[in-house]
Amino acid sequence: MLSSIATLLHTNEAYLDPGSGSYLLQLLLAGLLGSLFVVKASWGKIKGFFRQLFGRGEETPPDEE
């Protein structure tokens, strides 16, 4: 009986104020926009990597002798 009373009187320490939701949304949007900027800034390197990976890179024609 004492243990059931102790569990009923337990208080939760996980309070989220109204500003927490907007802060989490701001973190999510900043992460998304930051990752898009990194992809845009290095798009040429990414495209070249996949071209080499799948064999569509610029190949030199064989010498005709």
PDB file of N, CA and C in Angstrom:
ATOM      1  N   MET A   1       0.816  -1.187   0.000  1.00  0.00           N
ATOM      2  CA  MET A   1       0.000   0.000   0.000  1.00  0.00           C
ATOM      3  C   MET A   1       0.867   1.260   0.000  1.00  0.00           C
ATOM      4  N   LEU A   2       1.940   1.220   0.712  1.00  0.00           N
ATOM      5  CA  LEU A   2       2.820   2.381   0.769  1.00  0.00           C
ATOM      6  C   LEU A   2       3.486   2.648  -0.583  1.00  0.00           C
ATOM      7  N   SER A   3       3.827   1.558  -1.309  1.00  0.00           N
ATOM      8  CA  SER A   3       4.460   1.751  -2.621  1.00  0.00           C
ATOM      9  C   SER A   3       3.479   2.330  -3.637  1.00  0.00           C
ATOM     10  N   SER A   4       2.209   1.967  -3.547  1.00  0.00           N
ATOM     11  CA  SER A   4       1.230   2.533  -4.479  1.00  0.00           C
ATOM     12  C   SER A   4       1.003   4.016  -4.199  1.00  0.00           C
ATOM     13  N   ILE A   5       1.055   4.416  -2.957  1.00  0.00           N
ATOM     14  CA  ILE A   5       0.923   5.838  -2.624  1.00  0.00           C
ATOM     15  C   ILE A   5       2.138   6.615  -3.124  1.00  0.00           C
ATOM     16  N   ALA A   6       3.317   5.999  -3.022  1.00  0.00           N
ATOM     17  CA  ALA A   6       4.536   6.668  -3.480  1.00  0.00           C
ATOM     18  C   ALA A   6       4.514   6.876  -4.986  1.00  0.00           C
ATOM     19  N   THR A   7       3.957   5.927  -5.740  1.00  0.00           N
ATOM     20  CA  THR A   7       3.890   6.100  -7.194  1.00  0.00           C
ATOM     21  C   THR A   7       2.837   7.130  -7.583  1.00  0.00           C
ATOM     22  N   LEU A   8       1.789   7.255  -6.812  1.00  0.00           N
ATOM     23  CA  LEU A   8       0.757   8.244  -7.110  1.00  0.00           C
ATOM     24  C   LEU A   8       1.225   9.668  -6.822  1.00  0.00           C
ATOM     25  N   LEU A   9       2.136   9.824  -5.882  1.00  0.00           N
ATOM     26  CA  LEU A   9       2.600  11.147  -5.501  1.00  0.00           C
ATOM     27  C   LEU A   9       3.816  11.607  -6.301  1.00  0.00           C
ATOM     28  N   HIS A  10       4.268  10.789  -7.238  1.00  0.00           N
ATOM     29  CA  HIS A  10       5.442  11.143  -8.040  1.00  0.00           C
ATOM     30  C   HIS A  10       5.100  12.311  -8.966  1.00  0.00           C
ATOM     31  N   THR A  11       5.937  13.325  -8.951  1.00  0.00           N
ATOM     32  CA  THR A  11       5.710  14.480  -9.825  1.00  0.00           C
ATOM     33  C   THR A  11       6.575  14.358 -11.071  1.00  0.00           C
ATOM     34  N   ASN A  12       6.066  14.845 -12.152  1.00  0.00           N
ATOM     35  CA  ASN A  12       6.819  14.826 -13.404  1.00  0.00           C
ATOM     36  C   ASN A  12       7.660  16.089 -13.509  1.00  0.00           C
ATOM     37  N   GLU A  13       8.873  15.917 -13.971  1.00  0.00           N
ATOM     38  CA  GLU A  13       9.797  17.041 -14.117  1.00  0.00           C
ATOM     39  C   GLU A  13       9.973  17.439 -15.583  1.00  0.00           C
ATOM     40  N   ALA A  14       9.101  16.970 -16.460  1.00  0.00           N
ATOM     41  CA  ALA A  14       9.249  17.214 -17.889  1.00  0.00           C
ATOM     42  C   ALA A  14       8.257  18.282 -18.350  1.00  0.00           C
ATOM     43  N   TYR A  15       8.425  19.481 -17.882  1.00  0.00           N
ATOM     44  CA  TYR A  15       7.540  20.577 -18.263  1.00  0.00           C
ATOM     45  C   TYR A  15       8.045  21.230 -19.543  1.00  0.00           C
ATOM     46  N   LEU A  16       7.170  21.394 -20.496  1.00  0.00           N
ATOM     47  CA  LEU A  16       7.504  22.091 -21.739  1.00  0.00           C
ATOM     48  C   LEU A  16       6.694  23.381 -21.797  1.00  0.00           C
ATOM     49  N   ASP A  17       7.371  24.485 -21.783  1.00  0.00           N
ATOM     50  CA  ASP A  17       6.661  25.754 -21.872  1.00  0.00           C
ATOM     51  C   ASP A  17       6.291  26.039 -23.329  1.00  0.00           C
ATOM     52  N   PRO A  18       5.438  27.005 -23.594  1.00  0.00           N
ATOM     53  CA  PRO A  18       5.000  27.278 -24.963  1.00  0.00           C
ATOM     54  C   PRO A  18       6.137  27.636 -25.919  1.00  0.00           C
ATOM     55  N   GLY A  19       7.223  28.186 -25.427  1.00  0.00           N
ATOM     56  CA  GLY A  19       8.336  28.545 -26.302  1.00  0.00           C
ATOM     57  C   GLY A  19       9.146  27.352 -26.768  1.00  0.00           C
ATOM     58  N   SER A  20       8.991  26.204 -26.111  1.00  0.00           N
ATOM     59  CA  SER A  20       9.777  25.023 -26.482  1.00  0.00           C
ATOM     60  C   SER A  20       9.409  24.509 -27.867  1.00  0.00           C
ATOM     61  N   GLY A  21       8.131  24.555 -28.200  1.00  0.00           N
ATOM     62  CA  GLY A  21       7.702  24.077 -29.516  1.00  0.00           C
ATOM     63  C   GLY A  21       8.281  24.915 -30.638  1.00  0.00           C
ATOM     64  N   SER A  22       8.281  26.221 -30.469  1.00  0.00           N
ATOM     65  CA  SER A  22       8.840  27.081 -31.511  1.00  0.00           C
ATOM     66  C   SER A  22      10.354  26.923 -31.587  1.00  0.00           C
ATOM     67  N   TYR A  23      10.996  26.664 -30.446  1.00  0.00           N
ATOM     68  CA  TYR A  23      12.448  26.444 -30.451  1.00  0.00           C
ATOM     69  C   TYR A  23      12.785  25.149 -31.186  1.00  0.00           C
ATOM     70  N   LEU A  24      12.015  24.085 -30.942  1.00  0.00           N
ATOM     71  CA  LEU A  24      12.253  22.822 -31.643  1.00  0.00           C
ATOM     72  C   LEU A  24      11.993  22.972 -33.141  1.00  0.00           C
ATOM     73  N   LEU A  25      10.967  23.727 -33.506  1.00  0.00           N
ATOM     74  CA  LEU A  25      10.696  23.990 -34.920  1.00  0.00           C
ATOM     75  C   LEU A  25      11.834  24.776 -35.552  1.00  0.00           C
ATOM     76  N   GLN A  26      12.372  25.746 -34.825  1.00  0.00           N
ATOM     77  CA  GLN A  26      13.496  26.532 -35.324  1.00  0.00           C
ATOM     78  C   GLN A  26      14.725  25.648 -35.524  1.00  0.00           C
ATOM     79  N   LEU A  27      14.988  24.729 -34.593  1.00  0.00           N
ATOM     80  CA  LEU A  27      16.117  23.808 -34.744  1.00  0.00           C
ATOM     81  C   LEU A  27      15.937  22.909 -35.963  1.00  0.00           C
ATOM     82  N   LEU A  28      14.724  22.408 -36.160  1.00  0.00           N
ATOM     83  CA  LEU A  28      14.444  21.540 -37.297  1.00  0.00           C
ATOM     84  C   LEU A  28      14.635  22.281 -38.619  1.00  0.00           C
ATOM     85  N   LEU A  29      14.095  23.488 -38.716  1.00  0.00           N
ATOM     86  CA  LEU A  29      14.230  24.265 -39.950  1.00  0.00           C
ATOM     87  C   LEU A  29      15.674  24.678 -40.207  1.00  0.00           C
ATOM     88  N   ALA A  30      16.399  25.035 -39.157  1.00  0.00           N
ATOM     89  CA  ALA A  30      17.805  25.417 -39.332  1.00  0.00           C
ATOM     90  C   ALA A  30      18.631  24.231 -39.802  1.00  0.00           C
ATOM     91  N   GLY A  31      18.370  23.053 -39.261  1.00  0.00           N
ATOM     92  CA  GLY A  31      19.087  21.859 -39.702  1.00  0.00           C
ATOM     93  C   GLY A  31      18.776  21.518 -41.147  1.00  0.00           C
ATOM     94  N   LEU A  32      17.509  21.630 -41.527  1.00  0.00           N
ATOM     95  CA  LEU A  32      17.105  21.336 -42.901  1.00  0.00           C
ATOM     96  C   LEU A  32      17.721  22.325 -43.885  1.00  0.00           C
ATOM     97  N   LEU A  33      17.623  23.610 -43.584  1.00  0.00           N
ATOM     98  CA  LEU A  33      18.178  24.618 -44.488  1.00  0.00           C
ATOM     99  C   LEU A  33      19.701  24.562 -44.526  1.00  0.00           C
ATOM    100  N   GLY A  34      20.330  24.259 -43.404  1.00  0.00           N
ATOM    101  CA  GLY A  34      21.784  24.123 -43.380  1.00  0.00           C
ATOM    102  C   GLY A  34      22.256  22.957 -44.221  1.00  0.00           C
ATOM    103  N   SER A  35      21.550  21.830 -44.129  1.00  0.00           N
ATOM    104  CA  SER A  35      21.947  20.679 -44.936  1.00  0.00           C
ATOM    105  C   SER A  35      21.701  20.934 -46.421  1.00  0.00           C
ATOM    106  N   LEU A  36      20.626  21.637 -46.757  1.00  0.00           N
ATOM    107  CA  LEU A  36      20.390  21.985 -48.163  1.00  0.00           C
ATOM    108  C   LEU A  36      21.475  22.913 -48.696  1.00  0.00           C
ATOM    109  N   PHE A  37      21.946  23.842 -47.879  1.00  0.00           N
ATOM    110  CA  PHE A  37      23.017  24.736 -48.299  1.00  0.00           C
ATOM    111  C   PHE A  37      24.308  23.966 -48.545  1.00  0.00           C
ATOM    112  N   VAL A  38      24.621  23.008 -47.682  1.00  0.00           N
ATOM    113  CA  VAL A  38      25.841  22.212 -47.856  1.00  0.00           C
ATOM    114  C   VAL A  38      25.759  21.396 -49.142  1.00  0.00           C
ATOM    115  N   VAL A  39      24.598  20.812 -49.418  1.00  0.00           N
ATOM    116  CA  VAL A  39      24.431  20.036 -50.652  1.00  0.00           C
ATOM    117  C   VAL A  39      24.557  20.944 -51.867  1.00  0.00           C
ATOM    118  N   LYS A  40      23.958  22.129 -51.810  1.00  0.00           N
ATOM    119  CA  LYS A  40      24.042  23.060 -52.937  1.00  0.00           C
ATOM    120  C   LYS A  40      25.471  23.527 -53.166  1.00  0.00           C
ATOM    121  N   ALA A  41      26.195  23.801 -52.086  1.00  0.00           N
ATOM    122  CA  ALA A  41      27.558  24.314 -52.211  1.00  0.00           C
ATOM    123  C   ALA A  41      28.509  23.273 -52.781  1.00  0.00           C
ATOM    124  N   SER A  42      28.252  22.006 -52.518  1.00  0.00           N
ATOM    125  CA  SER A  42      29.167  20.968 -53.000  1.00  0.00           C
ATOM    126  C   SER A  42      28.493  20.055 -54.023  1.00  0.00           C
ATOM    127  N   TRP A  43      27.519  20.577 -54.770  1.00  0.00           N
ATOM    128  CA  TRP A  43      26.778  19.765 -55.734  1.00  0.00           C
ATOM    129  C   TRP A  43      27.678  19.227 -56.849  1.00  0.00           C
ATOM    130  N   GLY A  44      28.629  20.011 -57.317  1.00  0.00           N
ATOM    131  CA  GLY A  44      29.522  19.555 -58.384  1.00  0.00           C
ATOM    132  C   GLY A  44      30.363  18.367 -57.946  1.00  0.00           C
ATOM    133  N   LYS A  45      30.863  18.405 -56.725  1.00  0.00           N
ATOM    134  CA  LYS A  45      31.651  17.286 -56.214  1.00  0.00           C
ATOM    135  C   LYS A  45      30.794  16.038 -56.030  1.00  0.00           C
ATOM    136  N   ILE A  46      29.570  16.228 -55.559  1.00  0.00           N
ATOM    137  CA  ILE A  46      28.670  15.090 -55.365  1.00  0.00           C
ATOM    138  C   ILE A  46      28.323  14.456 -56.707  1.00  0.00           C
ATOM    139  N   LYS A  47      28.023  15.294 -57.695  1.00  0.00           N
ATOM    140  CA  LYS A  47      27.672  14.795 -59.024  1.00  0.00           C
ATOM    141  C   LYS A  47      28.855  14.076 -59.665  1.00  0.00           C
ATOM    142  N   GLY A  48      30.065  14.636 -59.526  1.00  0.00           N
ATOM    143  CA  GLY A  48      31.254  13.990 -60.066  1.00  0.00           C
ATOM    144  C   GLY A  48      31.549  12.663 -59.395  1.00  0.00           C
ATOM    145  N   PHE A  49      31.316  12.587 -58.087  1.00  0.00           N
ATOM    146  CA  PHE A  49      31.533  11.340 -57.363  1.00  0.00           C
ATOM    147  C   PHE A  49      30.627  10.238 -57.889  1.00  0.00           C
ATOM    148  N   PHE A  50      29.342  10.543 -58.083  1.00  0.00           N
ATOM    149  CA  PHE A  50      28.425   9.522 -58.563  1.00  0.00           C
ATOM    150  C   PHE A  50      28.668   9.176 -60.026  1.00  0.00           C
ATOM    151  N   ARG A  51      29.133  10.135 -60.814  1.00  0.00           N
ATOM    152  CA  ARG A  51      29.483   9.806 -62.198  1.00  0.00           C
ATOM    153  C   ARG A  51      30.644   8.826 -62.246  1.00  0.00           C
ATOM    154  N   GLN A  52      31.648   9.049 -61.423  1.00  0.00           N
ATOM    155  CA  GLN A  52      32.773   8.119 -61.376  1.00  0.00           C
ATOM    156  C   GLN A  52      32.346   6.781 -60.797  1.00  0.00           C
ATOM    157  N   LEU A  53      31.463   6.806 -59.826  1.00  0.00           N
ATOM    158  CA  LEU A  53      31.022   5.582 -59.172  1.00  0.00           C
ATOM    159  C   LEU A  53      30.262   4.687 -60.134  1.00  0.00           C
ATOM    160  N   PHE A  54      29.415   5.251 -60.961  1.00  0.00           N
ATOM    161  CA  PHE A  54      28.603   4.464 -61.870  1.00  0.00           C
ATOM    162  C   PHE A  54      29.162   4.418 -63.284  1.00  0.00           C
ATOM    163  N   GLY A  55      30.364   4.887 -63.495  1.00  0.00           N
ATOM    164  CA  GLY A  55      31.036   4.735 -64.778  1.00  0.00           C
ATOM    165  C   GLY A  55      30.603   5.694 -65.857  1.00  0.00           C
ATOM    166  N   ARG A  56      29.989   6.799 -65.524  1.00  0.00           N
ATOM    167  CA  ARG A  56      29.578   7.761 -66.541  1.00  0.00           C
ATOM    168  C   ARG A  56      30.490   8.973 -66.548  1.00  0.00           C
ATOM    169  N   GLY A  57      31.675   8.801 -66.012  1.00  0.00           N
ATOM    170  CA  GLY A  57      32.628   9.906 -65.981  1.00  0.00           C
ATOM    171  C   GLY A  57      33.194  10.164 -67.361  1.00  0.00           C
ATOM    172  N   GLU A  58      33.949  11.213 -67.476  1.00  0.00           N
ATOM    173  CA  GLU A  58      34.544  11.547 -68.758  1.00  0.00           C
ATOM    174  C   GLU A  58      35.680  10.574 -69.040  1.00  0.00           C
ATOM    175  N   GLU A  59      35.498   9.802 -70.066  1.00  0.00           N
ATOM    176  CA  GLU A  59      36.512   8.824 -70.431  1.00  0.00           C
ATOM    177  C   GLU A  59      37.278   9.337 -71.643  1.00  0.00           C
ATOM    178  N   THR A  60      38.540   9.075 -71.672  1.00  0.00           N
ATOM    179  CA  THR A  60      39.340   9.465 -72.830  1.00  0.00           C
ATOM    180  C   THR A  60      39.213   8.376 -73.882  1.00  0.00           C
ATOM    181  N   PRO A  61      39.065   8.761 -75.146  1.00  0.00           N
ATOM    182  CA  PRO A  61      38.943   7.744 -76.198  1.00  0.00           C
ATOM    183  C   PRO A  61      40.267   7.004 -76.361  1.00  0.00           C
ATOM    184  N   PRO A  62      40.201   5.740 -76.739  1.00  0.00           N
ATOM    185  CA  PRO A  62      41.445   4.978 -76.920  1.00  0.00           C
ATOM    186  C   PRO A  62      42.251   5.514 -78.104  1.00  0.00           C
ATOM    187  N   ASP A  63      43.554   5.404 -78.007  1.00  0.00           N
ATOM    188  CA  ASP A  63      44.429   5.856 -79.089  1.00  0.00           C
ATOM    189  C   ASP A  63      44.302   4.915 -80.277  1.00  0.00           C
ATOM    190  N   GLU A  64      44.133   5.509 -81.440  1.00  0.00           N
ATOM    191  CA  GLU A  64      44.048   4.695 -82.655  1.00  0.00           C
ATOM    192  C   GLU A  64      45.430   4.608 -83.270  1.00  0.00           C
ATOM    193  N   GLU A  65      45.933   3.414 -83.326  1.00  0.00           N
ATOM    194  CA  GLU A  65      47.261   3.222 -83.924  1.00  0.00           C
ATOM    195  C   GLU A  65      47.219   2.202 -85.014  1.00  0.00           C
TER     196      GLU A  65
END
